[in-house]
């Protein structure tokens, strides 16, 4: 997702990538996983303004800025990738090993080409 976000950020002239990560909100949102996923960013910093907030605080802000209805659509909060066994301690080398068997360039291009930018 960060590779896709970075390409879109370049295309749109952005200065950073902002995520909705909040430590512990989901089993996979751990410091280890954040560090492992941040390593793919080459040109941008990932900002996480919600990182220490709880679910109710996040929902309050989502309603305030008009993104709550989008966030509760099926598949949005999980990025459409359901799992029964989320990794809580991702390792960068293991991620790189897994990625070697994927056609990342094609996947990224398809996602960027089909992305829809929504101004909030």
PDB file of N, CA and C in Angstrom:
ATOM      1  N   UNK A   1       0.826  -1.201   0.000  1.00  0.00           N
ATOM      2  CA  UNK A   1       0.000   0.000   0.000  1.00  0.00           C
ATOM      3  C   UNK A   1       0.863   1.256   0.000  1.00  0.00           C
ATOM      4  N   UNK A   2       1.981   1.241   0.735  1.00  0.00           N
ATOM      5  CA  UNK A   2       2.839   2.424   0.753  1.00  0.00           C
ATOM      6  C   UNK A   2       3.468   2.686  -0.607  1.00  0.00           C
ATOM      7  N   UNK A   3       3.811   1.645  -1.324  1.00  0.00           N
ATOM      8  CA  UNK A   3       4.383   1.845  -2.660  1.00  0.00           C
ATOM      9  C   UNK A   3       3.352   2.508  -3.573  1.00  0.00           C
ATOM     10  N   UNK A   4       2.114   2.094  -3.461  1.00  0.00           N
ATOM     11  CA  UNK A   4       1.036   2.688  -4.253  1.00  0.00           C
ATOM     12  C   UNK A   4       0.813   4.131  -3.804  1.00  0.00           C
ATOM     13  N   UNK A   5       0.721   4.344  -2.518  1.00  0.00           N
ATOM     14  CA  UNK A   5       0.505   5.693  -1.978  1.00  0.00           C
ATOM     15  C   UNK A   5       1.622   6.633  -2.402  1.00  0.00           C
ATOM     16  N   UNK A   6       2.853   6.137  -2.423  1.00  0.00           N
ATOM     17  CA  UNK A   6       3.981   6.985  -2.796  1.00  0.00           C
ATOM     18  C   UNK A   6       3.867   7.419  -4.263  1.00  0.00           C
ATOM     19  N   UNK A   7       3.485   6.514  -5.134  1.00  0.00           N
ATOM     20  CA  UNK A   7       3.324   6.873  -6.548  1.00  0.00           C
ATOM     21  C   UNK A   7       2.200   7.895  -6.736  1.00  0.00           C
ATOM     22  N   UNK A   8       1.115   7.709  -6.010  1.00  0.00           N
ATOM     23  CA  UNK A   8       0.000   8.660  -6.092  1.00  0.00           C
ATOM     24  C   UNK A   8       0.421  10.003  -5.509  1.00  0.00           C
ATOM     25  N   UNK A   9       1.178   9.995  -4.419  1.00  0.00           N
ATOM     26  CA  UNK A   9       1.655  11.235  -3.803  1.00  0.00           C
ATOM     27  C   UNK A   9       2.552  12.011  -4.765  1.00  0.00           C
ATOM     28  N   UNK A  10       3.395  11.303  -5.494  1.00  0.00           N
ATOM     29  CA  UNK A  10       4.251  11.959  -6.487  1.00  0.00           C
ATOM     30  C   UNK A  10       3.375  12.591  -7.570  1.00  0.00           C
ATOM     31  N   UNK A  11       2.432  11.817  -8.087  1.00  0.00           N
ATOM     32  CA  UNK A  11       1.550  12.293  -9.159  1.00  0.00           C
ATOM     33  C   UNK A  11       0.727  13.511  -8.727  1.00  0.00           C
ATOM     34  N   UNK A  12       0.292  13.514  -7.461  1.00  0.00           N
ATOM     35  CA  UNK A  12      -0.575  14.587  -6.965  1.00  0.00           C
ATOM     36  C   UNK A  12       0.182  15.761  -6.353  1.00  0.00           C
ATOM     37  N   UNK A  13       1.514  15.671  -6.290  1.00  0.00           N
ATOM     38  CA  UNK A  13       2.312  16.760  -5.738  1.00  0.00           C
ATOM     39  C   UNK A  13       2.215  16.905  -4.235  1.00  0.00           C
ATOM     40  N   UNK A  14       2.116  15.790  -3.534  1.00  0.00           N
ATOM     41  CA  UNK A  14       1.980  15.805  -2.069  1.00  0.00           C
ATOM     42  C   UNK A  14       3.331  15.946  -1.375  1.00  0.00           C
ATOM     43  N   UNK A  15       3.284  16.261  -0.099  1.00  0.00           N
ATOM     44  CA  UNK A  15       4.497  16.413   0.706  1.00  0.00           C
ATOM     45  C   UNK A  15       4.728  15.260   1.670  1.00  0.00           C
ATOM     46  N   UNK A  16       3.692  14.477   1.931  1.00  0.00           N
ATOM     47  CA  UNK A  16       3.807  13.358   2.876  1.00  0.00           C
ATOM     48  C   UNK A  16       2.657  12.388   2.633  1.00  0.00           C
ATOM     49  N   UNK A  17       2.746  11.240   3.280  1.00  0.00           N
ATOM     50  CA  UNK A  17       1.676  10.249   3.256  1.00  0.00           C
ATOM     51  C   UNK A  17       1.113  10.185   4.673  1.00  0.00           C
ATOM     52  N   UNK A  18      -0.196  10.281   4.794  1.00  0.00           N
ATOM     53  CA  UNK A  18      -0.853  10.259   6.094  1.00  0.00           C
ATOM     54  C   UNK A  18      -1.660   8.976   6.205  1.00  0.00           C
ATOM     55  N   UNK A  19      -1.492   8.253   7.316  1.00  0.00           N
ATOM     56  CA  UNK A  19      -2.235   7.006   7.516  1.00  0.00           C
ATOM     57  C   UNK A  19      -3.168   7.126   8.712  1.00  0.00           C
ATOM     58  N   UNK A  20      -4.030   6.167   8.839  1.00  0.00           N
ATOM     59  CA  UNK A  20      -4.947   6.116   9.979  1.00  0.00           C
ATOM     60  C   UNK A  20      -4.510   5.112  11.020  1.00  0.00           C
ATOM     61  N   UNK A  21      -3.225   4.721  10.997  1.00  0.00           N
ATOM     62  CA  UNK A  21      -2.729   3.746  11.980  1.00  0.00           C
ATOM     63  C   UNK A  21      -2.897   4.255  13.403  1.00  0.00           C
ATOM     64  N   UNK A  22      -3.326   3.357  14.262  1.00  0.00           N
ATOM     65  CA  UNK A  22      -3.406   3.634  15.694  1.00  0.00           C
ATOM     66  C   UNK A  22      -2.901   2.386  16.403  1.00  0.00           C
ATOM     67  N   UNK A  23      -1.874   2.528  17.197  1.00  0.00           N
ATOM     68  CA  UNK A  23      -1.255   1.378  17.845  1.00  0.00           C
ATOM     69  C   UNK A  23      -2.301   0.578  18.604  1.00  0.00           C
ATOM     70  N   UNK A  24      -2.403  -0.707  18.266  1.00  0.00           N
ATOM     71  CA  UNK A  24      -3.282  -1.619  18.972  1.00  0.00           C
ATOM     72  C   UNK A  24      -4.737  -1.615  18.532  1.00  0.00           C
ATOM     73  N   UNK A  25      -5.120  -0.730  17.589  1.00  0.00           N
ATOM     74  CA  UNK A  25      -6.504  -0.726  17.120  1.00  0.00           C
ATOM     75  C   UNK A  25      -6.848  -2.040  16.433  1.00  0.00           C
ATOM     76  N   UNK A  26      -5.882  -2.576  15.734  1.00  0.00           N
ATOM     77  CA  UNK A  26      -6.015  -3.887  15.092  1.00  0.00           C
ATOM     78  C   UNK A  26      -4.801  -4.693  15.528  1.00  0.00           C
ATOM     79  N   UNK A  27      -4.937  -5.996  15.502  1.00  0.00           N
ATOM     80  CA  UNK A  27      -3.841  -6.851  15.959  1.00  0.00           C
ATOM     81  C   UNK A  27      -2.553  -6.590  15.183  1.00  0.00           C
ATOM     82  N   UNK A  28      -2.681  -6.209  13.927  1.00  0.00           N
ATOM     83  CA  UNK A  28      -1.494  -6.002  13.101  1.00  0.00           C
ATOM     84  C   UNK A  28      -0.853  -4.626  13.286  1.00  0.00           C
ATOM     85  N   UNK A  29      -1.491  -3.728  14.014  1.00  0.00           N
ATOM     86  CA  UNK A  29      -0.932  -2.386  14.182  1.00  0.00           C
ATOM     87  C   UNK A  29      -0.030  -2.337  15.407  1.00  0.00           C
ATOM     88  N   UNK A  30       1.190  -2.816  15.198  1.00  0.00           N
ATOM     89  CA  UNK A  30       2.206  -2.838  16.250  1.00  0.00           C
ATOM     90  C   UNK A  30       3.392  -1.984  15.812  1.00  0.00           C
ATOM     91  N   UNK A  31       4.229  -1.607  16.741  1.00  0.00           N
ATOM     92  CA  UNK A  31       5.421  -0.831  16.390  1.00  0.00           C
ATOM     93  C   UNK A  31       6.315  -1.596  15.425  1.00  0.00           C
ATOM     94  N   UNK A  32       6.425  -2.919  15.626  1.00  0.00           N
ATOM     95  CA  UNK A  32       7.262  -3.743  14.757  1.00  0.00           C
ATOM     96  C   UNK A  32       6.742  -3.720  13.327  1.00  0.00           C
ATOM     97  N   UNK A  33       5.431  -3.837  13.155  1.00  0.00           N
ATOM     98  CA  UNK A  33       4.851  -3.836  11.813  1.00  0.00           C
ATOM     99  C   UNK A  33       4.986  -2.476  11.138  1.00  0.00           C
ATOM    100  N   UNK A  34       4.818  -1.418  11.908  1.00  0.00           N
ATOM    101  CA  UNK A  34       4.974  -0.078  11.348  1.00  0.00           C
ATOM    102  C   UNK A  34       6.395   0.114  10.845  1.00  0.00           C
ATOM    103  N   UNK A  35       7.369  -0.287  11.622  1.00  0.00           N
ATOM    104  CA  UNK A  35       8.767  -0.160  11.200  1.00  0.00           C
ATOM    105  C   UNK A  35       9.043  -0.996   9.958  1.00  0.00           C
ATOM    106  N   UNK A  36       8.490  -2.188   9.899  1.00  0.00           N
ATOM    107  CA  UNK A  36       8.723  -3.070   8.756  1.00  0.00           C
ATOM    108  C   UNK A  36       8.094  -2.528   7.480  1.00  0.00           C
ATOM    109  N   UNK A  37       6.935  -1.910   7.588  1.00  0.00           N
ATOM    110  CA  UNK A  37       6.270  -1.400   6.389  1.00  0.00           C
ATOM    111  C   UNK A  37       6.802  -0.040   5.956  1.00  0.00           C
ATOM    112  N   UNK A  38       7.258   0.771   6.886  1.00  0.00           N
ATOM    113  CA  UNK A  38       7.803   2.080   6.535  1.00  0.00           C
ATOM    114  C   UNK A  38       9.052   1.988   5.669  1.00  0.00           C
ATOM    115  N   UNK A  39       9.751   0.885   5.728  1.00  0.00           N
ATOM    116  CA  UNK A  39      11.034   0.776   5.031  1.00  0.00           C
ATOM    117  C   UNK A  39      10.893   0.866   3.512  1.00  0.00           C
ATOM    118  N   UNK A  40       9.707   0.681   2.962  1.00  0.00           N
ATOM    119  CA  UNK A  40       9.551   0.753   1.505  1.00  0.00           C
ATOM    120  C   UNK A  40       9.419   2.185   1.002  1.00  0.00           C
ATOM    121  N   UNK A  41       9.158   3.128   1.891  1.00  0.00           N
ATOM    122  CA  UNK A  41       9.028   4.523   1.477  1.00  0.00           C
ATOM    123  C   UNK A  41      10.388   5.099   1.114  1.00  0.00           C
ATOM    124  N   UNK A  42      10.474   5.677  -0.060  1.00  0.00           N
ATOM    125  CA  UNK A  42      11.750   6.222  -0.536  1.00  0.00           C
ATOM    126  C   UNK A  42      11.761   7.750  -0.541  1.00  0.00           C
ATOM    127  N   UNK A  43      10.605   8.369  -0.802  1.00  0.00           N
ATOM    128  CA  UNK A  43      10.568   9.821  -1.001  1.00  0.00           C
ATOM    129  C   UNK A  43       9.712  10.571   0.004  1.00  0.00           C
ATOM    130  N   UNK A  44       8.939   9.846   0.808  1.00  0.00           N
ATOM    131  CA  UNK A  44       7.994  10.508   1.700  1.00  0.00           C
ATOM    132  C   UNK A  44       8.069   9.939   3.107  1.00  0.00           C
ATOM    133  N   UNK A  45       7.683  10.770   4.044  1.00  0.00           N
ATOM    134  CA  UNK A  45       7.504  10.310   5.423  1.00  0.00           C
ATOM    135  C   UNK A  45       6.049   9.876   5.575  1.00  0.00           C
ATOM    136  N   UNK A  46       5.816   8.914   6.453  1.00  0.00           N
ATOM    137  CA  UNK A  46       4.446   8.514   6.783  1.00  0.00           C
ATOM    138  C   UNK A  46       4.077   9.196   8.095  1.00  0.00           C
ATOM    139  N   UNK A  47       3.044   9.995   8.044  1.00  0.00           N
ATOM    140  CA  UNK A  47       2.557  10.689   9.236  1.00  0.00           C
ATOM    141  C   UNK A  47       1.372   9.911   9.788  1.00  0.00           C
ATOM    142  N   UNK A  48       1.305   9.782  11.108  1.00  0.00           N
ATOM    143  CA  UNK A  48       0.241   9.027  11.767  1.00  0.00           C
ATOM    144  C   UNK A  48      -0.397   9.852  12.882  1.00  0.00           C
ATOM    145  N   UNK A  49      -1.256  10.793  12.520  1.00  0.00           N
ATOM    146  CA  UNK A  49      -1.830  11.675  13.541  1.00  0.00           C
ATOM    147  C   UNK A  49      -2.746  10.966  14.531  1.00  0.00           C
ATOM    148  N   UNK A  50      -3.220   9.776  14.212  1.00  0.00           N
ATOM    149  CA  UNK A  50      -4.147   9.060  15.093  1.00  0.00           C
ATOM    150  C   UNK A  50      -3.449   8.028  15.971  1.00  0.00           C
ATOM    151  N   UNK A  51      -2.155   7.924  15.879  1.00  0.00           N
ATOM    152  CA  UNK A  51      -1.411   6.795  16.443  1.00  0.00           C
ATOM    153  C   UNK A  51      -1.726   6.495  17.912  1.00  0.00           C
ATOM    154  N   UNK A  52      -2.012   7.490  18.715  1.00  0.00           N
ATOM    155  CA  UNK A  52      -2.276   7.254  20.130  1.00  0.00           C
ATOM    156  C   UNK A  52      -3.734   7.380  20.538  1.00  0.00           C
ATOM    157  N   UNK A  53      -4.610   7.547  19.572  1.00  0.00           N
ATOM    158  CA  UNK A  53      -6.030   7.731  19.887  1.00  0.00           C
ATOM    159  C   UNK A  53      -6.751   6.392  20.002  1.00  0.00           C
ATOM    160  N   UNK A  54      -7.877   6.417  20.707  1.00  0.00           N
ATOM    161  CA  UNK A  54      -8.695   5.210  20.785  1.00  0.00           C
ATOM    162  C   UNK A  54      -9.792   5.278  19.714  1.00  0.00           C
ATOM    163  N   UNK A  55     -10.545   4.192  19.587  1.00  0.00           N
ATOM    164  CA  UNK A  55     -11.547   4.072  18.531  1.00  0.00           C
ATOM    165  C   UNK A  55     -12.585   5.194  18.568  1.00  0.00           C
ATOM    166  N   UNK A  56     -13.065   5.541  19.740  1.00  0.00           N
ATOM    167  CA  UNK A  56     -14.088   6.590  19.841  1.00  0.00           C
ATOM    168  C   UNK A  56     -13.552   7.951  19.408  1.00  0.00           C
ATOM    169  N   UNK A  57     -12.321   8.249  19.786  1.00  0.00           N
ATOM    170  CA  UNK A  57     -11.710   9.515  19.375  1.00  0.00           C
ATOM    171  C   UNK A  57     -11.548   9.562  17.853  1.00  0.00           C
ATOM    172  N   UNK A  58     -11.110   8.452  17.282  1.00  0.00           N
ATOM    173  CA  UNK A  58     -10.907   8.390  15.833  1.00  0.00           C
ATOM    174  C   UNK A  58     -12.239   8.547  15.099  1.00  0.00           C
ATOM    175  N   UNK A  59     -13.272   7.871  15.583  1.00  0.00           N
ATOM    176  CA  UNK A  59     -14.593   7.993  14.958  1.00  0.00           C
ATOM    177  C   UNK A  59     -15.095   9.435  15.018  1.00  0.00           C
ATOM    178  N   UNK A  60     -14.852  10.111  16.135  1.00  0.00           N
ATOM    179  CA  UNK A  60     -15.273  11.509  16.289  1.00  0.00           C
ATOM    180  C   UNK A  60     -14.629  12.379  15.207  1.00  0.00           C
ATOM    181  N   UNK A  61     -13.327  12.225  14.996  1.00  0.00           N
ATOM    182  CA  UNK A  61     -12.634  13.014  13.978  1.00  0.00           C
ATOM    183  C   UNK A  61     -13.072  12.628  12.572  1.00  0.00           C
ATOM    184  N   UNK A  62     -13.305  11.341  12.339  1.00  0.00           N
ATOM    185  CA  UNK A  62     -13.770  10.901  11.019  1.00  0.00           C
ATOM    186  C   UNK A  62     -15.116  11.541  10.679  1.00  0.00           C
ATOM    187  N   UNK A  63     -15.997  11.615  11.651  1.00  0.00           N
ATOM    188  CA  UNK A  63     -17.303  12.251  11.422  1.00  0.00           C
ATOM    189  C   UNK A  63     -17.127  13.750  11.177  1.00  0.00           C
ATOM    190  N   UNK A  64     -16.213  14.365  11.905  1.00  0.00           N
ATOM    191  CA  UNK A  64     -15.962  15.798  11.778  1.00  0.00           C
ATOM    192  C   UNK A  64     -15.450  16.167  10.386  1.00  0.00           C
ATOM    193  N   UNK A  65     -14.568  15.345   9.821  1.00  0.00           N
ATOM    194  CA  UNK A  65     -13.994  15.672   8.506  1.00  0.00           C
ATOM    195  C   UNK A  65     -14.723  14.989   7.346  1.00  0.00           C
ATOM    196  N   UNK A  66     -15.763  14.222   7.666  1.00  0.00           N
ATOM    197  CA  UNK A  66     -16.585  13.641   6.612  1.00  0.00           C
ATOM    198  C   UNK A  66     -16.091  12.332   6.015  1.00  0.00           C
ATOM    199  N   UNK A  67     -15.232  11.613   6.726  1.00  0.00           N
ATOM    200  CA  UNK A  67     -14.726  10.339   6.200  1.00  0.00           C
ATOM    201  C   UNK A  67     -15.313   9.118   6.902  1.00  0.00           C
ATOM    202  N   UNK A  68     -16.130   9.326   7.901  1.00  0.00           N
ATOM    203  CA  UNK A  68     -16.662   8.194   8.677  1.00  0.00           C
ATOM    204  C   UNK A  68     -17.474   7.247   7.807  1.00  0.00           C
ATOM    205  N   UNK A  69     -18.368   7.775   7.002  1.00  0.00           N
ATOM    206  CA  UNK A  69     -19.216   6.925   6.165  1.00  0.00           C
ATOM    207  C   UNK A  69     -18.389   6.083   5.200  1.00  0.00           C
ATOM    208  N   UNK A  70     -17.308   6.645   4.703  1.00  0.00           N
ATOM    209  CA  UNK A  70     -16.413   5.885   3.819  1.00  0.00           C
ATOM    210  C   UNK A  70     -15.743   4.766   4.618  1.00  0.00           C
ATOM    211  N   UNK A  71     -15.313   5.094   5.835  1.00  0.00           N
ATOM    212  CA  UNK A  71     -14.532   4.138   6.631  1.00  0.00           C
ATOM    213  C   UNK A  71     -15.326   2.921   7.088  1.00  0.00           C
ATOM    214  N   UNK A  72     -16.648   3.020   7.121  1.00  0.00           N
ATOM    215  CA  UNK A  72     -17.434   1.876   7.601  1.00  0.00           C
ATOM    216  C   UNK A  72     -17.965   1.006   6.469  1.00  0.00           C
ATOM    217  N   UNK A  73     -17.608   1.333   5.235  1.00  0.00           N
ATOM    218  CA  UNK A  73     -18.009   0.490   4.114  1.00  0.00           C
ATOM    219  C   UNK A  73     -17.313  -0.869   4.240  1.00  0.00           C
ATOM    220  N   UNK A  74     -17.983  -1.930   3.824  1.00  0.00           N
ATOM    221  CA  UNK A  74     -17.372  -3.263   3.894  1.00  0.00           C
ATOM    222  C   UNK A  74     -16.039  -3.306   3.139  1.00  0.00           C
ATOM    223  N   UNK A  75     -15.023  -3.868   3.787  1.00  0.00           N
ATOM    224  CA  UNK A  75     -13.719  -4.030   3.160  1.00  0.00           C
ATOM    225  C   UNK A  75     -12.784  -2.850   3.295  1.00  0.00           C
ATOM    226  N   UNK A  76     -13.283  -1.669   3.668  1.00  0.00           N
ATOM    227  CA  UNK A  76     -12.430  -0.484   3.738  1.00  0.00           C
ATOM    228  C   UNK A  76     -11.458  -0.566   4.902  1.00  0.00           C
ATOM    229  N   UNK A  77     -11.936  -0.875   6.087  1.00  0.00           N
ATOM    230  CA  UNK A  77     -11.050  -0.868   7.254  1.00  0.00           C
ATOM    231  C   UNK A  77      -9.998  -1.960   7.194  1.00  0.00           C
ATOM    232  N   UNK A  78     -10.271  -3.009   6.462  1.00  0.00           N
ATOM    233  CA  UNK A  78      -9.297  -4.102   6.364  1.00  0.00           C
ATOM    234  C   UNK A  78      -8.580  -4.096   5.032  1.00  0.00           C
ATOM    235  N   UNK A  79      -8.790  -3.062   4.221  1.00  0.00           N
ATOM    236  CA  UNK A  79      -8.224  -2.978   2.875  1.00  0.00           C
ATOM    237  C   UNK A  79      -8.650  -4.163   2.023  1.00  0.00           C
ATOM    238  N   UNK A  80      -9.731  -4.817   2.409  1.00  0.00           N
ATOM    239  CA  UNK A  80     -10.236  -5.919   1.614  1.00  0.00           C
ATOM    240  C   UNK A  80      -9.440  -7.194   1.714  1.00  0.00           C
ATOM    241  N   UNK A  81      -8.524  -7.269   2.669  1.00  0.00           N
ATOM    242  CA  UNK A  81      -7.703  -8.465   2.823  1.00  0.00           C
ATOM    243  C   UNK A  81      -7.996  -9.093   4.177  1.00  0.00           C
ATOM    244  N   UNK A  82      -8.984  -9.990   4.227  1.00  0.00           N
ATOM    245  CA  UNK A  82      -9.315 -10.614   5.516  1.00  0.00           C
ATOM    246  C   UNK A  82      -8.260 -11.629   5.933  1.00  0.00           C
ATOM    247  N   UNK A  83      -8.022 -11.720   7.227  1.00  0.00           N
ATOM    248  CA  UNK A  83      -7.087 -12.718   7.743  1.00  0.00           C
ATOM    249  C   UNK A  83      -7.524 -13.154   9.127  1.00  0.00           C
ATOM    250  N   UNK A  84      -7.322 -14.414   9.412  1.00  0.00           N
ATOM    251  CA  UNK A  84      -7.627 -14.937  10.737  1.00  0.00           C
ATOM    252  C   UNK A  84      -6.394 -14.985  11.622  1.00  0.00           C
ATOM    253  N   UNK A  85      -5.226 -14.746  11.023  1.00  0.00           N
ATOM    254  CA  UNK A  85      -3.980 -14.868  11.755  1.00  0.00           C
ATOM    255  C   UNK A  85      -3.036 -13.722  11.382  1.00  0.00           C
ATOM    256  N   UNK A  86      -3.347 -12.483  11.813  1.00  0.00           N
ATOM    257  CA  UNK A  86      -2.509 -11.347  11.423  1.00  0.00           C
ATOM    258  C   UNK A  86      -1.131 -11.409  12.064  1.00  0.00           C
ATOM    259  N   UNK A  87      -0.133 -10.976  11.310  1.00  0.00           N
ATOM    260  CA  UNK A  87       1.222 -10.909  11.840  1.00  0.00           C
ATOM    261  C   UNK A  87       1.327  -9.705  12.770  1.00  0.00           C
ATOM    262  N   UNK A  88       1.910  -9.914  13.944  1.00  0.00           N
ATOM    263  CA  UNK A  88       2.075  -8.806  14.888  1.00  0.00           C
ATOM    264  C   UNK A  88       3.543  -8.416  15.057  1.00  0.00           C
ATOM    265  N   UNK A  89       4.435  -9.135  14.376  1.00  0.00           N
ATOM    266  CA  UNK A  89       5.860  -8.870  14.522  1.00  0.00           C
ATOM    267  C   UNK A  89       6.573  -9.108  13.191  1.00  0.00           C
ATOM    268  N   UNK A  90       6.180  -8.322  12.178  1.00  0.00           N
ATOM    269  CA  UNK A  90       6.745  -8.485  10.841  1.00  0.00           C
ATOM    270  C   UNK A  90       8.234  -8.169  10.834  1.00  0.00           C
ATOM    271  N   UNK A  91       8.947  -8.918  10.040  1.00  0.00           N
ATOM    272  CA  UNK A  91      10.383  -8.713   9.856  1.00  0.00           C
ATOM    273  C   UNK A  91      10.637  -8.264   8.429  1.00  0.00           C
ATOM    274  N   UNK A  92      11.420  -7.224   8.275  1.00  0.00           N
ATOM    275  CA  UNK A  92      11.705  -6.661   6.948  1.00  0.00           C
ATOM    276  C   UNK A  92      12.248  -7.711   5.989  1.00  0.00           C
ATOM    277  N   UNK A  93      13.184  -8.541   6.420  1.00  0.00           N
ATOM    278  CA  UNK A  93      13.763  -9.548   5.533  1.00  0.00           C
ATOM    279  C   UNK A  93      12.733 -10.569   5.072  1.00  0.00           C
ATOM    280  N   UNK A  94      11.827 -10.941   5.956  1.00  0.00           N
ATOM    281  CA  UNK A  94      10.771 -11.887   5.593  1.00  0.00           C
ATOM    282  C   UNK A  94       9.829 -11.249   4.574  1.00  0.00           C
ATOM    283  N   UNK A  95       9.503  -9.980   4.768  1.00  0.00           N
ATOM    284  CA  UNK A  95       8.643  -9.283   3.808  1.00  0.00           C
ATOM    285  C   UNK A  95       9.310  -9.213   2.437  1.00  0.00           C
ATOM    286  N   UNK A  96      10.602  -8.925   2.413  1.00  0.00           N
ATOM    287  CA  UNK A  96      11.334  -8.865   1.146  1.00  0.00           C
ATOM    288  C   UNK A  96      11.333 -10.227   0.457  1.00  0.00           C
ATOM    289  N   UNK A  97      11.463 -11.285   1.227  1.00  0.00           N
ATOM    290  CA  UNK A  97      11.436 -12.650   0.684  1.00  0.00           C
ATOM    291  C   UNK A  97      10.077 -12.951   0.042  1.00  0.00           C
ATOM    292  N   UNK A  98       9.012 -12.590   0.727  1.00  0.00           N
ATOM    293  CA  UNK A  98       7.663 -12.816   0.205  1.00  0.00           C
ATOM    294  C   UNK A  98       7.435 -12.003  -1.063  1.00  0.00           C
ATOM    295  N   UNK A  99       7.905 -10.766  -1.061  1.00  0.00           N
ATOM    296  CA  UNK A  99       7.683  -9.881  -2.202  1.00  0.00           C
ATOM    297  C   UNK A  99       8.396 -10.350  -3.463  1.00  0.00           C
ATOM    298  N   UNK A 100       9.457 -11.102  -3.323  1.00  0.00           N
ATOM    299  CA  UNK A 100      10.219 -11.572  -4.487  1.00  0.00           C
ATOM    300  C   UNK A 100       9.370 -12.419  -5.430  1.00  0.00           C
ATOM    301  N   UNK A 101       8.359 -13.091  -4.913  1.00  0.00           N
ATOM    302  CA  UNK A 101       7.532 -13.956  -5.759  1.00  0.00           C
ATOM    303  C   UNK A 101       6.330 -13.210  -6.354  1.00  0.00           C
ATOM    304  N   UNK A 102       6.176 -11.954  -5.999  1.00  0.00           N
ATOM    305  CA  UNK A 102       5.065 -11.157  -6.517  1.00  0.00           C
ATOM    306  C   UNK A 102       5.519 -10.310  -7.701  1.00  0.00           C
ATOM    307  N   UNK A 103       4.613 -10.002  -8.572  1.00  0.00           N
ATOM    308  CA  UNK A 103       4.884  -9.092  -9.669  1.00  0.00           C
ATOM    309  C   UNK A 103       4.493  -7.687  -9.195  1.00  0.00           C
ATOM    310  N   UNK A 104       5.317  -7.148  -8.294  1.00  0.00           N
ATOM    311  CA  UNK A 104       4.972  -5.883  -7.641  1.00  0.00           C
ATOM    312  C   UNK A 104       4.793  -4.726  -8.610  1.00  0.00           C
ATOM    313  N   UNK A 105       5.684  -4.609  -9.572  1.00  0.00           N
ATOM    314  CA  UNK A 105       5.593  -3.476 -10.498  1.00  0.00           C
ATOM    315  C   UNK A 105       4.244  -3.446 -11.210  1.00  0.00           C
ATOM    316  N   UNK A 106       3.804  -4.596 -11.666  1.00  0.00           N
ATOM    317  CA  UNK A 106       2.514  -4.691 -12.353  1.00  0.00           C
ATOM    318  C   UNK A 106       1.363  -4.396 -11.397  1.00  0.00           C
ATOM    319  N   UNK A 107       1.449  -4.932 -10.188  1.00  0.00           N
ATOM    320  CA  UNK A 107       0.401  -4.715  -9.197  1.00  0.00           C
ATOM    321  C   UNK A 107       0.303  -3.234  -8.830  1.00  0.00           C
ATOM    322  N   UNK A 108       1.444  -2.602  -8.627  1.00  0.00           N
ATOM    323  CA  UNK A 108       1.474  -1.179  -8.268  1.00  0.00           C
ATOM    324  C   UNK A 108       0.916  -0.339  -9.409  1.00  0.00           C
ATOM    325  N   UNK A 109       1.364  -0.623 -10.625  1.00  0.00           N
ATOM    326  CA  UNK A 109       0.891   0.142 -11.788  1.00  0.00           C
ATOM    327  C   UNK A 109      -0.624   0.026 -11.940  1.00  0.00           C
ATOM    328  N   UNK A 110      -1.147  -1.186 -11.804  1.00  0.00           N
ATOM    329  CA  UNK A 110      -2.589  -1.382 -11.943  1.00  0.00           C
ATOM    330  C   UNK A 110      -3.350  -0.597 -10.866  1.00  0.00           C
ATOM    331  N   UNK A 111      -2.856  -0.637  -9.637  1.00  0.00           N
ATOM    332  CA  UNK A 111      -3.522   0.075  -8.543  1.00  0.00           C
ATOM    333  C   UNK A 111      -3.471   1.588  -8.749  1.00  0.00           C
ATOM    334  N   UNK A 112      -2.314   2.094  -9.139  1.00  0.00           N
ATOM    335  CA  UNK A 112      -2.158   3.546  -9.355  1.00  0.00           C
ATOM    336  C   UNK A 112      -3.030   3.992 -10.526  1.00  0.00           C
ATOM    337  N   UNK A 113      -3.033   3.222 -11.602  1.00  0.00           N
ATOM    338  CA  UNK A 113      -3.835   3.560 -12.775  1.00  0.00           C
ATOM    339  C   UNK A 113      -5.328   3.582 -12.471  1.00  0.00           C
ATOM    340  N   UNK A 114      -5.747   2.759 -11.517  1.00  0.00           N
ATOM    341  CA  UNK A 114      -7.174   2.660 -11.191  1.00  0.00           C
ATOM    342  C   UNK A 114      -7.566   3.423  -9.927  1.00  0.00           C
ATOM    343  N   UNK A 115      -6.609   4.136  -9.334  1.00  0.00           N
ATOM    344  CA  UNK A 115      -6.881   4.882  -8.105  1.00  0.00           C
ATOM    345  C   UNK A 115      -7.781   6.075  -8.395  1.00  0.00           C
ATOM    346  N   UNK A 116      -8.612   6.380  -7.439  1.00  0.00           N
ATOM    347  CA  UNK A 116      -9.478   7.555  -7.518  1.00  0.00           C
ATOM    348  C   UNK A 116      -9.108   8.452  -6.350  1.00  0.00           C
ATOM    349  N   UNK A 117      -8.713   9.650  -6.626  1.00  0.00           N
ATOM    350  CA  UNK A 117      -8.335  10.612  -5.589  1.00  0.00           C
ATOM    351  C   UNK A 117      -9.587  11.345  -5.119  1.00  0.00           C
ATOM    352  N   UNK A 118      -9.789  11.354  -3.811  1.00  0.00           N
ATOM    353  CA  UNK A 118     -10.944  12.017  -3.216  1.00  0.00           C
ATOM    354  C   UNK A 118     -10.419  13.146  -2.326  1.00  0.00           C
ATOM    355  N   UNK A 119     -10.847  14.355  -2.576  1.00  0.00           N
ATOM    356  CA  UNK A 119     -10.452  15.490  -1.759  1.00  0.00           C
ATOM    357  C   UNK A 119     -11.409  15.615  -0.593  1.00  0.00           C
ATOM    358  N   UNK A 120     -10.845  15.663   0.622  1.00  0.00           N
ATOM    359  CA  UNK A 120     -11.662  15.741   1.827  1.00  0.00           C
ATOM    360  C   UNK A 120     -11.559  17.139   2.401  1.00  0.00           C
TER     361      UNK A 120
END
